[in-house]
């Protein structure tokens, strides 16, 4: 069984965005959170995040009694949670900008963001790619493959080609992000 990493803001964003639709009990929330992550999220990882968000005022819970079953917690998003979700989506810190999943998750929210916010996310990703490309270019300059099979050089060049392809896609994404209207604030 593969468990998803719970660092960064990825799980927090997915969790809070799922609570926007309305209150949901813990098991269902766990199912909804792990679906887009394509990996298993353990209770030992998810519930501490929920407790932290509750302590920070972003989430509340209510215990519901059910006949013949143990009571279950139903979680709901607060106004602070909505503000927190937006802030998490808009922020793409340098440490996370190189993480493709963190970046692409934010792209999924572009309809809810201003043009400036969208372009800031694209710029953060481009900066991370530029740093990685510079590291690889320096590595290639210094690289000497022994023997007739330059596998390391081929691998580094492939990664650079992928970075170049993503840079071209980022240019296209930035043009689309600048042209597309944002949702009204009331629709968020």
N, C-alpha and C. Protein backbone atom coordinates (compact mmCIF):
# COMPACT_ATOMS: atom_id res chain seq x y z
N UNK A 1 0.84 -1.17 0.00
CA UNK A 1 0.00 0.00 0.00
C UNK A 1 0.89 1.24 0.00
N UNK A 2 0.62 2.18 -0.88
CA UNK A 2 1.39 3.42 -0.96
C UNK A 2 0.63 4.53 -0.25
N UNK A 3 1.32 5.14 0.69
CA UNK A 3 0.72 6.27 1.40
C UNK A 3 1.22 7.56 0.81
N UNK A 4 0.34 8.54 0.74
CA UNK A 4 0.71 9.84 0.20
C UNK A 4 1.50 10.62 1.25
N UNK A 5 2.43 11.41 0.80
CA UNK A 5 3.16 12.27 1.72
C UNK A 5 2.23 13.40 2.16
N UNK A 6 2.35 13.80 3.37
CA UNK A 6 1.45 14.84 3.87
C UNK A 6 2.21 16.11 4.25
N UNK A 7 3.32 16.35 3.55
CA UNK A 7 4.01 17.60 3.77
C UNK A 7 3.48 18.61 2.76
N UNK A 8 4.01 19.79 2.79
CA UNK A 8 3.51 20.82 1.88
C UNK A 8 2.10 21.22 2.27
N UNK A 9 1.39 21.82 1.35
CA UNK A 9 0.03 22.28 1.64
C UNK A 9 -1.00 21.48 0.86
N UNK A 10 -0.54 20.51 0.11
CA UNK A 10 -1.39 19.75 -0.79
C UNK A 10 -2.62 19.16 -0.09
N UNK A 11 -2.41 18.38 0.94
CA UNK A 11 -3.53 17.72 1.61
C UNK A 11 -4.44 18.74 2.29
N UNK A 12 -3.84 19.77 2.87
CA UNK A 12 -4.64 20.81 3.52
C UNK A 12 -5.58 21.47 2.51
N UNK A 13 -5.07 21.79 1.33
CA UNK A 13 -5.89 22.42 0.30
C UNK A 13 -7.00 21.49 -0.14
N UNK A 14 -6.67 20.23 -0.40
CA UNK A 14 -7.68 19.26 -0.84
C UNK A 14 -8.73 19.07 0.26
N UNK A 15 -8.30 18.98 1.50
CA UNK A 15 -9.21 18.80 2.63
C UNK A 15 -10.17 19.98 2.76
N UNK A 16 -9.61 21.19 2.81
CA UNK A 16 -10.45 22.38 2.97
C UNK A 16 -11.39 22.57 1.78
N UNK A 17 -10.90 22.29 0.58
CA UNK A 17 -11.77 22.47 -0.60
C UNK A 17 -12.92 21.49 -0.59
N UNK A 18 -12.71 20.29 -0.06
CA UNK A 18 -13.80 19.33 0.04
C UNK A 18 -14.85 19.75 1.06
N UNK A 19 -14.44 20.47 2.07
CA UNK A 19 -15.39 20.93 3.08
C UNK A 19 -16.22 22.12 2.61
N UNK A 20 -15.83 22.75 1.50
CA UNK A 20 -16.62 23.88 0.97
C UNK A 20 -18.03 23.45 0.59
N UNK A 21 -18.19 22.20 0.17
CA UNK A 21 -19.50 21.72 -0.28
C UNK A 21 -20.46 21.50 0.89
N UNK A 22 -19.95 21.49 2.11
CA UNK A 22 -20.81 21.30 3.27
C UNK A 22 -20.19 20.31 4.24
N UNK A 23 -20.81 20.17 5.41
CA UNK A 23 -20.27 19.28 6.44
C UNK A 23 -20.19 17.83 5.96
N UNK A 24 -19.19 17.13 6.46
CA UNK A 24 -18.99 15.73 6.07
C UNK A 24 -18.30 15.00 7.22
N UNK A 25 -18.67 13.73 7.39
CA UNK A 25 -18.06 12.95 8.48
C UNK A 25 -16.66 12.51 8.08
N UNK A 26 -15.84 12.19 9.08
CA UNK A 26 -14.43 11.93 8.88
C UNK A 26 -14.11 10.87 7.84
N UNK A 27 -14.81 9.74 7.87
CA UNK A 27 -14.50 8.66 6.92
C UNK A 27 -14.74 9.13 5.48
N UNK A 28 -15.86 9.79 5.25
CA UNK A 28 -16.17 10.28 3.90
C UNK A 28 -15.16 11.35 3.48
N UNK A 29 -14.76 12.20 4.40
CA UNK A 29 -13.77 13.22 4.10
C UNK A 29 -12.44 12.57 3.71
N UNK A 30 -12.04 11.55 4.43
CA UNK A 30 -10.81 10.83 4.10
C UNK A 30 -10.89 10.25 2.69
N UNK A 31 -12.02 9.67 2.36
CA UNK A 31 -12.21 9.09 1.02
C UNK A 31 -12.10 10.18 -0.05
N UNK A 32 -12.72 11.32 0.21
CA UNK A 32 -12.68 12.42 -0.76
C UNK A 32 -11.28 13.02 -0.91
N UNK A 33 -10.54 13.07 0.18
CA UNK A 33 -9.20 13.64 0.14
C UNK A 33 -8.25 12.73 -0.63
N UNK A 34 -8.35 11.44 -0.40
CA UNK A 34 -7.38 10.56 -1.07
C UNK A 34 -7.72 10.30 -2.53
N UNK A 35 -8.94 10.53 -2.96
CA UNK A 35 -9.32 10.29 -4.36
C UNK A 35 -8.46 11.10 -5.34
N UNK A 36 -8.34 12.43 -5.20
CA UNK A 36 -7.52 13.14 -6.18
C UNK A 36 -6.02 12.92 -5.98
N UNK A 37 -5.63 12.43 -4.81
CA UNK A 37 -4.21 12.21 -4.55
C UNK A 37 -3.73 10.88 -5.09
N UNK A 38 -4.65 10.01 -5.48
CA UNK A 38 -4.31 8.70 -6.06
C UNK A 38 -3.38 7.91 -5.16
N UNK A 39 -3.56 8.03 -3.88
CA UNK A 39 -2.77 7.27 -2.91
C UNK A 39 -3.59 7.14 -1.63
N UNK A 40 -3.16 6.29 -0.75
CA UNK A 40 -3.87 6.08 0.50
C UNK A 40 -3.44 7.10 1.54
N UNK A 41 -4.43 7.69 2.19
CA UNK A 41 -4.18 8.62 3.29
C UNK A 41 -4.57 7.88 4.56
N UNK A 42 -3.65 7.78 5.50
CA UNK A 42 -3.95 7.05 6.73
C UNK A 42 -4.66 7.95 7.73
N UNK A 43 -5.42 7.32 8.62
CA UNK A 43 -6.07 8.07 9.71
C UNK A 43 -5.03 8.78 10.57
N UNK A 44 -3.88 8.13 10.77
CA UNK A 44 -2.83 8.71 11.60
C UNK A 44 -2.21 9.95 10.97
N UNK A 45 -2.46 10.17 9.70
CA UNK A 45 -1.97 11.37 9.03
C UNK A 45 -3.06 12.42 8.91
N UNK A 46 -4.27 11.99 8.55
CA UNK A 46 -5.35 12.93 8.28
C UNK A 46 -5.90 13.59 9.54
N UNK A 47 -6.17 12.81 10.57
CA UNK A 47 -6.83 13.37 11.74
C UNK A 47 -5.98 14.39 12.50
N UNK A 48 -4.66 14.23 12.56
CA UNK A 48 -3.88 15.33 13.17
C UNK A 48 -3.98 16.63 12.39
N UNK A 49 -4.08 16.55 11.07
CA UNK A 49 -4.26 17.76 10.27
C UNK A 49 -5.61 18.39 10.59
N UNK A 50 -6.65 17.57 10.68
CA UNK A 50 -7.97 18.09 11.04
C UNK A 50 -7.95 18.74 12.42
N UNK A 51 -7.28 18.10 13.39
CA UNK A 51 -7.20 18.69 14.74
C UNK A 51 -6.46 20.03 14.70
N UNK A 52 -5.37 20.09 13.95
CA UNK A 52 -4.61 21.34 13.83
C UNK A 52 -5.48 22.43 13.21
N UNK A 53 -6.19 22.09 12.13
CA UNK A 53 -7.05 23.07 11.48
C UNK A 53 -8.19 23.52 12.41
N UNK A 54 -8.66 22.59 13.22
CA UNK A 54 -9.69 22.94 14.19
C UNK A 54 -9.11 23.88 15.25
N UNK A 55 -7.93 23.58 15.75
CA UNK A 55 -7.28 24.46 16.74
C UNK A 55 -7.04 25.85 16.17
N UNK A 56 -6.80 25.94 14.87
CA UNK A 56 -6.54 27.21 14.21
C UNK A 56 -7.82 27.93 13.77
N UNK A 57 -8.99 27.31 14.02
CA UNK A 57 -10.26 27.94 13.71
C UNK A 57 -10.73 27.78 12.27
N UNK A 58 -10.06 26.96 11.47
CA UNK A 58 -10.43 26.77 10.07
C UNK A 58 -11.53 25.73 9.89
N UNK A 59 -11.65 24.82 10.86
CA UNK A 59 -12.59 23.71 10.78
C UNK A 59 -13.25 23.55 12.15
N UNK A 60 -14.50 23.15 12.15
CA UNK A 60 -15.18 22.78 13.39
C UNK A 60 -15.69 21.35 13.23
N UNK A 61 -16.06 20.76 14.34
CA UNK A 61 -16.71 19.44 14.23
C UNK A 61 -17.86 19.36 15.22
N UNK A 62 -18.77 18.50 14.87
CA UNK A 62 -19.94 18.22 15.69
C UNK A 62 -20.02 16.70 15.79
N UNK A 63 -20.29 16.19 16.96
CA UNK A 63 -20.41 14.75 17.13
C UNK A 63 -21.86 14.36 16.91
N UNK A 64 -22.08 13.42 16.02
CA UNK A 64 -23.43 12.93 15.73
C UNK A 64 -23.59 11.52 16.27
N UNK A 65 -24.67 11.33 16.99
CA UNK A 65 -25.00 10.01 17.51
C UNK A 65 -25.80 9.27 16.45
N UNK A 66 -25.54 7.99 16.29
CA UNK A 66 -26.32 7.16 15.36
C UNK A 66 -26.72 5.89 16.08
N UNK A 67 -27.90 5.37 15.74
CA UNK A 67 -28.39 4.16 16.38
C UNK A 67 -27.52 2.96 16.06
N UNK A 68 -27.08 2.27 17.09
CA UNK A 68 -26.33 1.05 16.92
C UNK A 68 -24.92 1.21 16.39
N UNK A 69 -24.44 2.43 16.29
CA UNK A 69 -23.09 2.68 15.79
C UNK A 69 -22.40 3.67 16.72
N UNK A 70 -21.10 3.65 16.71
CA UNK A 70 -20.39 4.65 17.52
C UNK A 70 -20.67 6.06 16.99
N UNK A 71 -20.60 7.05 17.86
CA UNK A 71 -20.78 8.43 17.39
C UNK A 71 -19.69 8.78 16.38
N UNK A 72 -20.02 9.67 15.48
CA UNK A 72 -19.02 10.09 14.49
C UNK A 72 -18.95 11.60 14.44
N UNK A 73 -17.76 12.06 14.09
CA UNK A 73 -17.53 13.50 13.98
C UNK A 73 -17.87 13.95 12.56
N UNK A 74 -18.58 15.06 12.49
CA UNK A 74 -18.91 15.68 11.21
C UNK A 74 -18.18 17.02 11.19
N UNK A 75 -17.34 17.19 10.19
CA UNK A 75 -16.49 18.38 10.07
C UNK A 75 -17.13 19.39 9.14
N UNK A 76 -16.90 20.68 9.46
CA UNK A 76 -17.43 21.77 8.63
C UNK A 76 -16.36 22.85 8.51
N UNK A 77 -16.42 23.57 7.42
CA UNK A 77 -15.50 24.66 7.13
C UNK A 77 -16.04 25.95 7.76
N UNK A 78 -15.17 26.72 8.37
CA UNK A 78 -15.55 28.01 8.94
C UNK A 78 -15.19 29.11 7.94
N UNK A 79 -15.61 30.34 8.25
CA UNK A 79 -15.21 31.48 7.41
C UNK A 79 -13.68 31.61 7.41
N UNK A 80 -13.07 31.36 8.56
CA UNK A 80 -11.60 31.38 8.63
C UNK A 80 -11.01 30.29 7.73
N UNK A 81 -11.67 29.15 7.67
CA UNK A 81 -11.23 28.06 6.80
C UNK A 81 -11.29 28.45 5.33
N UNK A 82 -12.33 29.19 4.96
CA UNK A 82 -12.43 29.66 3.57
C UNK A 82 -11.30 30.64 3.25
N UNK A 83 -11.01 31.54 4.19
CA UNK A 83 -9.90 32.47 3.99
C UNK A 83 -8.57 31.71 3.91
N UNK A 84 -8.44 30.72 4.77
CA UNK A 84 -7.21 29.91 4.81
C UNK A 84 -7.02 29.15 3.50
N UNK A 85 -8.10 28.57 2.98
CA UNK A 85 -8.03 27.83 1.72
C UNK A 85 -7.54 28.75 0.61
N UNK A 86 -8.13 29.90 0.51
CA UNK A 86 -7.73 30.85 -0.55
C UNK A 86 -6.26 31.24 -0.39
N UNK A 87 -5.85 31.54 0.83
CA UNK A 87 -4.46 31.93 1.08
C UNK A 87 -3.51 30.79 0.72
N UNK A 88 -3.88 29.55 1.05
CA UNK A 88 -3.04 28.39 0.73
C UNK A 88 -2.93 28.19 -0.77
N UNK A 89 -4.04 28.38 -1.48
CA UNK A 89 -4.04 28.19 -2.93
C UNK A 89 -3.17 29.26 -3.59
N UNK A 90 -3.32 30.50 -3.16
CA UNK A 90 -2.60 31.61 -3.78
C UNK A 90 -1.09 31.52 -3.50
N UNK A 91 -0.74 31.03 -2.32
CA UNK A 91 0.67 30.94 -1.95
C UNK A 91 1.31 29.71 -2.60
N UNK A 92 2.40 29.92 -3.26
CA UNK A 92 3.21 28.81 -3.76
C UNK A 92 4.65 29.14 -3.39
N UNK A 93 5.02 28.83 -2.13
CA UNK A 93 6.35 29.18 -1.67
C UNK A 93 7.43 28.47 -2.49
N UNK A 94 8.59 29.07 -2.50
CA UNK A 94 9.72 28.54 -3.27
C UNK A 94 9.96 27.06 -2.96
N UNK A 95 9.83 26.67 -1.71
CA UNK A 95 10.09 25.28 -1.32
C UNK A 95 9.09 24.31 -1.95
N UNK A 96 7.91 24.79 -2.33
CA UNK A 96 6.89 23.92 -2.92
C UNK A 96 6.74 24.10 -4.43
N UNK A 97 7.28 25.17 -4.97
CA UNK A 97 7.09 25.48 -6.39
C UNK A 97 7.69 24.43 -7.31
N UNK A 98 8.68 23.69 -6.84
CA UNK A 98 9.28 22.65 -7.68
C UNK A 98 8.47 21.36 -7.65
N UNK A 99 7.49 21.27 -6.77
CA UNK A 99 6.65 20.07 -6.66
C UNK A 99 5.51 20.18 -7.66
N UNK A 100 5.53 19.32 -8.65
CA UNK A 100 4.54 19.38 -9.74
C UNK A 100 3.11 19.26 -9.22
N UNK A 101 2.89 18.36 -8.27
CA UNK A 101 1.54 18.15 -7.74
C UNK A 101 1.03 19.39 -7.01
N UNK A 102 1.89 20.03 -6.23
CA UNK A 102 1.50 21.26 -5.54
C UNK A 102 1.12 22.34 -6.56
N UNK A 103 1.92 22.46 -7.62
CA UNK A 103 1.65 23.46 -8.65
C UNK A 103 0.34 23.17 -9.39
N UNK A 104 0.19 21.94 -9.87
CA UNK A 104 -0.99 21.60 -10.67
C UNK A 104 -2.28 21.68 -9.86
N UNK A 105 -2.21 21.39 -8.57
CA UNK A 105 -3.39 21.55 -7.72
C UNK A 105 -3.87 23.00 -7.76
N UNK A 106 -2.95 23.92 -7.68
CA UNK A 106 -3.31 25.34 -7.70
C UNK A 106 -3.87 25.76 -9.07
N UNK A 107 -3.34 25.20 -10.13
CA UNK A 107 -3.86 25.50 -11.46
C UNK A 107 -5.35 25.13 -11.52
N UNK A 108 -5.72 24.07 -10.84
CA UNK A 108 -7.13 23.66 -10.80
C UNK A 108 -8.05 24.69 -10.18
N UNK A 109 -7.51 25.63 -9.44
CA UNK A 109 -8.30 26.68 -8.79
C UNK A 109 -8.26 28.00 -9.57
N UNK A 110 -7.63 28.04 -10.74
CA UNK A 110 -7.43 29.29 -11.45
C UNK A 110 -8.73 30.05 -11.72
N UNK A 111 -9.83 29.37 -11.93
CA UNK A 111 -11.10 30.06 -12.19
C UNK A 111 -11.52 30.93 -11.00
N UNK A 112 -11.04 30.61 -9.81
CA UNK A 112 -11.41 31.34 -8.60
C UNK A 112 -10.42 32.44 -8.23
N UNK A 113 -9.34 32.55 -9.00
CA UNK A 113 -8.28 33.49 -8.65
C UNK A 113 -8.26 34.70 -9.58
N UNK A 114 -7.66 35.76 -9.08
CA UNK A 114 -7.47 36.94 -9.93
C UNK A 114 -6.35 36.65 -10.93
N UNK A 115 -6.28 37.46 -11.95
CA UNK A 115 -5.21 37.30 -12.95
C UNK A 115 -3.85 37.43 -12.27
N UNK A 116 -3.70 38.39 -11.40
CA UNK A 116 -2.43 38.60 -10.70
C UNK A 116 -2.05 37.37 -9.88
N UNK A 117 -3.01 36.77 -9.19
CA UNK A 117 -2.74 35.57 -8.39
C UNK A 117 -2.34 34.40 -9.29
N UNK A 118 -3.05 34.23 -10.39
CA UNK A 118 -2.71 33.15 -11.33
C UNK A 118 -1.29 33.32 -11.84
N UNK A 119 -0.99 34.52 -12.29
CA UNK A 119 0.33 34.77 -12.86
C UNK A 119 1.44 34.63 -11.81
N UNK A 120 1.13 34.93 -10.56
CA UNK A 120 2.11 34.72 -9.49
C UNK A 120 2.44 33.25 -9.30
N UNK A 121 1.43 32.40 -9.40
CA UNK A 121 1.64 30.95 -9.28
C UNK A 121 2.47 30.44 -10.46
N UNK A 122 2.14 30.90 -11.66
CA UNK A 122 2.91 30.50 -12.85
C UNK A 122 4.36 30.97 -12.72
N UNK A 123 4.56 32.19 -12.24
CA UNK A 123 5.91 32.73 -12.09
C UNK A 123 6.71 31.94 -11.06
N UNK A 124 6.07 31.52 -9.98
CA UNK A 124 6.76 30.72 -8.96
C UNK A 124 7.22 29.38 -9.55
N UNK A 125 6.37 28.76 -10.34
CA UNK A 125 6.74 27.49 -10.97
C UNK A 125 7.87 27.70 -11.97
N UNK A 126 7.77 28.75 -12.77
CA UNK A 126 8.83 29.02 -13.76
C UNK A 126 10.16 29.25 -13.05
N UNK A 127 10.15 29.98 -11.98
CA UNK A 127 11.38 30.24 -11.23
C UNK A 127 11.99 28.93 -10.72
N UNK A 128 11.15 28.03 -10.22
CA UNK A 128 11.64 26.73 -9.74
C UNK A 128 12.24 25.92 -10.89
N UNK A 129 11.58 25.95 -12.05
CA UNK A 129 12.11 25.24 -13.21
C UNK A 129 13.42 25.86 -13.69
N UNK A 130 13.51 27.17 -13.67
CA UNK A 130 14.73 27.84 -14.09
C UNK A 130 15.90 27.46 -13.18
N UNK A 131 15.65 27.39 -11.88
CA UNK A 131 16.70 26.98 -10.94
C UNK A 131 17.15 25.55 -11.23
N UNK A 132 16.20 24.66 -11.46
CA UNK A 132 16.53 23.26 -11.75
C UNK A 132 17.29 23.15 -13.06
N UNK A 133 16.89 23.89 -14.07
CA UNK A 133 17.58 23.86 -15.37
C UNK A 133 19.00 24.38 -15.23
N UNK A 134 19.20 25.41 -14.44
CA UNK A 134 20.55 25.95 -14.23
C UNK A 134 21.44 24.92 -13.53
N UNK A 135 20.87 24.22 -12.54
CA UNK A 135 21.64 23.17 -11.86
C UNK A 135 22.04 22.07 -12.84
N UNK A 136 21.10 21.65 -13.66
CA UNK A 136 21.39 20.58 -14.62
C UNK A 136 22.39 21.03 -15.68
N UNK A 137 22.28 22.26 -16.15
CA UNK A 137 23.23 22.77 -17.14
C UNK A 137 24.64 22.79 -16.56
N UNK A 138 24.75 23.20 -15.32
CA UNK A 138 26.06 23.20 -14.66
C UNK A 138 26.58 21.77 -14.51
N UNK A 139 25.71 20.87 -14.13
CA UNK A 139 26.09 19.47 -14.01
C UNK A 139 26.56 18.90 -15.35
N UNK A 140 25.85 19.23 -16.40
CA UNK A 140 26.23 18.75 -17.74
C UNK A 140 27.60 19.29 -18.16
N UNK A 141 27.88 20.54 -17.82
CA UNK A 141 29.20 21.12 -18.16
C UNK A 141 30.33 20.37 -17.47
N UNK A 142 30.06 19.93 -16.23
CA UNK A 142 31.08 19.26 -15.43
C UNK A 142 31.09 17.74 -15.60
N UNK A 143 30.10 17.21 -16.28
CA UNK A 143 29.91 15.76 -16.34
C UNK A 143 30.85 15.12 -17.37
N UNK A 144 31.49 14.07 -16.93
CA UNK A 144 32.30 13.27 -17.83
C UNK A 144 31.88 11.82 -17.61
N UNK A 145 31.20 11.25 -18.62
CA UNK A 145 30.76 9.86 -18.50
C UNK A 145 31.89 8.92 -18.91
N UNK A 146 32.17 7.95 -18.09
CA UNK A 146 33.20 6.99 -18.47
C UNK A 146 32.68 6.03 -19.54
N UNK A 147 33.56 5.60 -20.37
CA UNK A 147 33.21 4.59 -21.36
C UNK A 147 32.37 5.14 -22.50
N UNK A 148 31.93 4.22 -23.36
CA UNK A 148 31.21 4.63 -24.57
C UNK A 148 29.72 4.91 -24.37
N UNK A 149 29.21 4.76 -23.13
CA UNK A 149 27.78 4.90 -22.89
C UNK A 149 27.48 6.09 -21.97
N UNK A 150 27.09 7.19 -22.53
CA UNK A 150 26.88 8.42 -21.74
C UNK A 150 25.49 8.47 -21.11
N UNK A 151 25.15 7.51 -20.29
CA UNK A 151 23.79 7.42 -19.74
C UNK A 151 23.43 8.61 -18.87
N UNK A 152 24.34 9.02 -18.03
CA UNK A 152 24.02 10.16 -17.14
C UNK A 152 23.77 11.43 -17.96
N UNK A 153 24.56 11.61 -18.99
CA UNK A 153 24.39 12.78 -19.85
C UNK A 153 23.05 12.71 -20.57
N UNK A 154 22.73 11.54 -21.07
CA UNK A 154 21.43 11.38 -21.75
C UNK A 154 20.27 11.66 -20.80
N UNK A 155 20.39 11.16 -19.58
CA UNK A 155 19.32 11.38 -18.59
C UNK A 155 19.18 12.86 -18.25
N UNK A 156 20.29 13.54 -18.03
CA UNK A 156 20.24 14.97 -17.70
C UNK A 156 19.66 15.77 -18.85
N UNK A 157 20.03 15.42 -20.08
CA UNK A 157 19.49 16.13 -21.25
C UNK A 157 17.99 15.89 -21.39
N UNK A 158 17.54 14.69 -21.05
CA UNK A 158 16.10 14.40 -21.10
C UNK A 158 15.34 15.26 -20.10
N UNK A 159 15.87 15.39 -18.90
CA UNK A 159 15.21 16.23 -17.88
C UNK A 159 15.19 17.68 -18.36
N UNK A 160 16.28 18.16 -18.95
CA UNK A 160 16.30 19.52 -19.48
C UNK A 160 15.26 19.70 -20.58
N UNK A 161 15.10 18.70 -21.44
CA UNK A 161 14.09 18.77 -22.50
C UNK A 161 12.68 18.83 -21.89
N UNK A 162 12.44 18.08 -20.83
CA UNK A 162 11.14 18.13 -20.15
C UNK A 162 10.91 19.50 -19.53
N UNK A 163 11.94 20.07 -18.95
CA UNK A 163 11.82 21.42 -18.37
C UNK A 163 11.51 22.43 -19.46
N UNK A 164 12.20 22.33 -20.60
CA UNK A 164 11.93 23.25 -21.72
C UNK A 164 10.49 23.11 -22.21
N UNK A 165 10.00 21.87 -22.30
CA UNK A 165 8.61 21.65 -22.73
C UNK A 165 7.64 22.27 -21.72
N UNK A 166 7.92 22.12 -20.43
CA UNK A 166 7.03 22.71 -19.44
C UNK A 166 7.10 24.24 -19.47
N UNK A 167 8.27 24.79 -19.71
CA UNK A 167 8.38 26.25 -19.83
C UNK A 167 7.49 26.76 -20.98
N UNK A 168 7.50 26.06 -22.10
CA UNK A 168 6.64 26.45 -23.22
C UNK A 168 5.17 26.37 -22.81
N UNK A 169 4.82 25.31 -22.09
CA UNK A 169 3.44 25.17 -21.61
C UNK A 169 3.10 26.28 -20.63
N UNK A 170 4.05 26.66 -19.77
CA UNK A 170 3.81 27.75 -18.82
C UNK A 170 3.55 29.07 -19.54
N UNK A 171 4.24 29.30 -20.66
CA UNK A 171 3.98 30.51 -21.45
C UNK A 171 2.53 30.51 -21.94
N UNK A 172 2.09 29.37 -22.43
CA UNK A 172 0.71 29.23 -22.91
C UNK A 172 -0.28 29.39 -21.75
N UNK A 173 0.04 28.77 -20.62
CA UNK A 173 -0.82 28.87 -19.44
C UNK A 173 -0.92 30.33 -18.97
N UNK A 174 0.18 31.04 -18.96
CA UNK A 174 0.17 32.45 -18.53
C UNK A 174 -0.71 33.29 -19.46
N UNK A 175 -0.62 33.04 -20.77
CA UNK A 175 -1.49 33.78 -21.70
C UNK A 175 -2.96 33.48 -21.41
N UNK A 176 -3.29 32.23 -21.21
CA UNK A 176 -4.68 31.84 -20.91
C UNK A 176 -5.12 32.41 -19.56
N UNK A 177 -4.24 32.35 -18.58
CA UNK A 177 -4.56 32.84 -17.24
C UNK A 177 -4.82 34.35 -17.25
N UNK A 178 -4.08 35.05 -18.09
CA UNK A 178 -4.26 36.51 -18.18
C UNK A 178 -5.55 36.87 -18.91
N UNK A 179 -5.97 36.02 -19.83
CA UNK A 179 -7.14 36.33 -20.66
C UNK A 179 -8.47 35.88 -20.04
N UNK A 180 -8.44 34.86 -19.21
CA UNK A 180 -9.68 34.29 -18.66
C UNK A 180 -10.19 35.13 -17.49
N UNK A 181 -11.48 35.39 -17.46
CA UNK A 181 -12.03 36.16 -16.35
C UNK A 181 -12.06 35.33 -15.07
N UNK A 182 -11.95 36.01 -13.95
CA UNK A 182 -12.06 35.36 -12.64
C UNK A 182 -13.53 35.33 -12.23
N UNK A 183 -13.88 34.40 -11.35
CA UNK A 183 -15.24 34.37 -10.82
C UNK A 183 -15.46 35.58 -9.94
N UNK A 184 -16.71 35.97 -9.84
CA UNK A 184 -17.05 37.05 -8.92
C UNK A 184 -16.73 36.63 -7.50
N UNK A 185 -16.38 37.56 -6.66
CA UNK A 185 -16.02 37.27 -5.27
C UNK A 185 -17.15 36.54 -4.56
N UNK A 186 -18.39 36.82 -4.89
CA UNK A 186 -19.52 36.18 -4.22
C UNK A 186 -19.65 34.72 -4.59
N UNK A 187 -19.07 34.29 -5.71
CA UNK A 187 -19.17 32.91 -6.16
C UNK A 187 -18.10 32.03 -5.52
N UNK A 188 -17.14 32.62 -4.83
CA UNK A 188 -16.04 31.86 -4.24
C UNK A 188 -16.47 31.12 -3.02
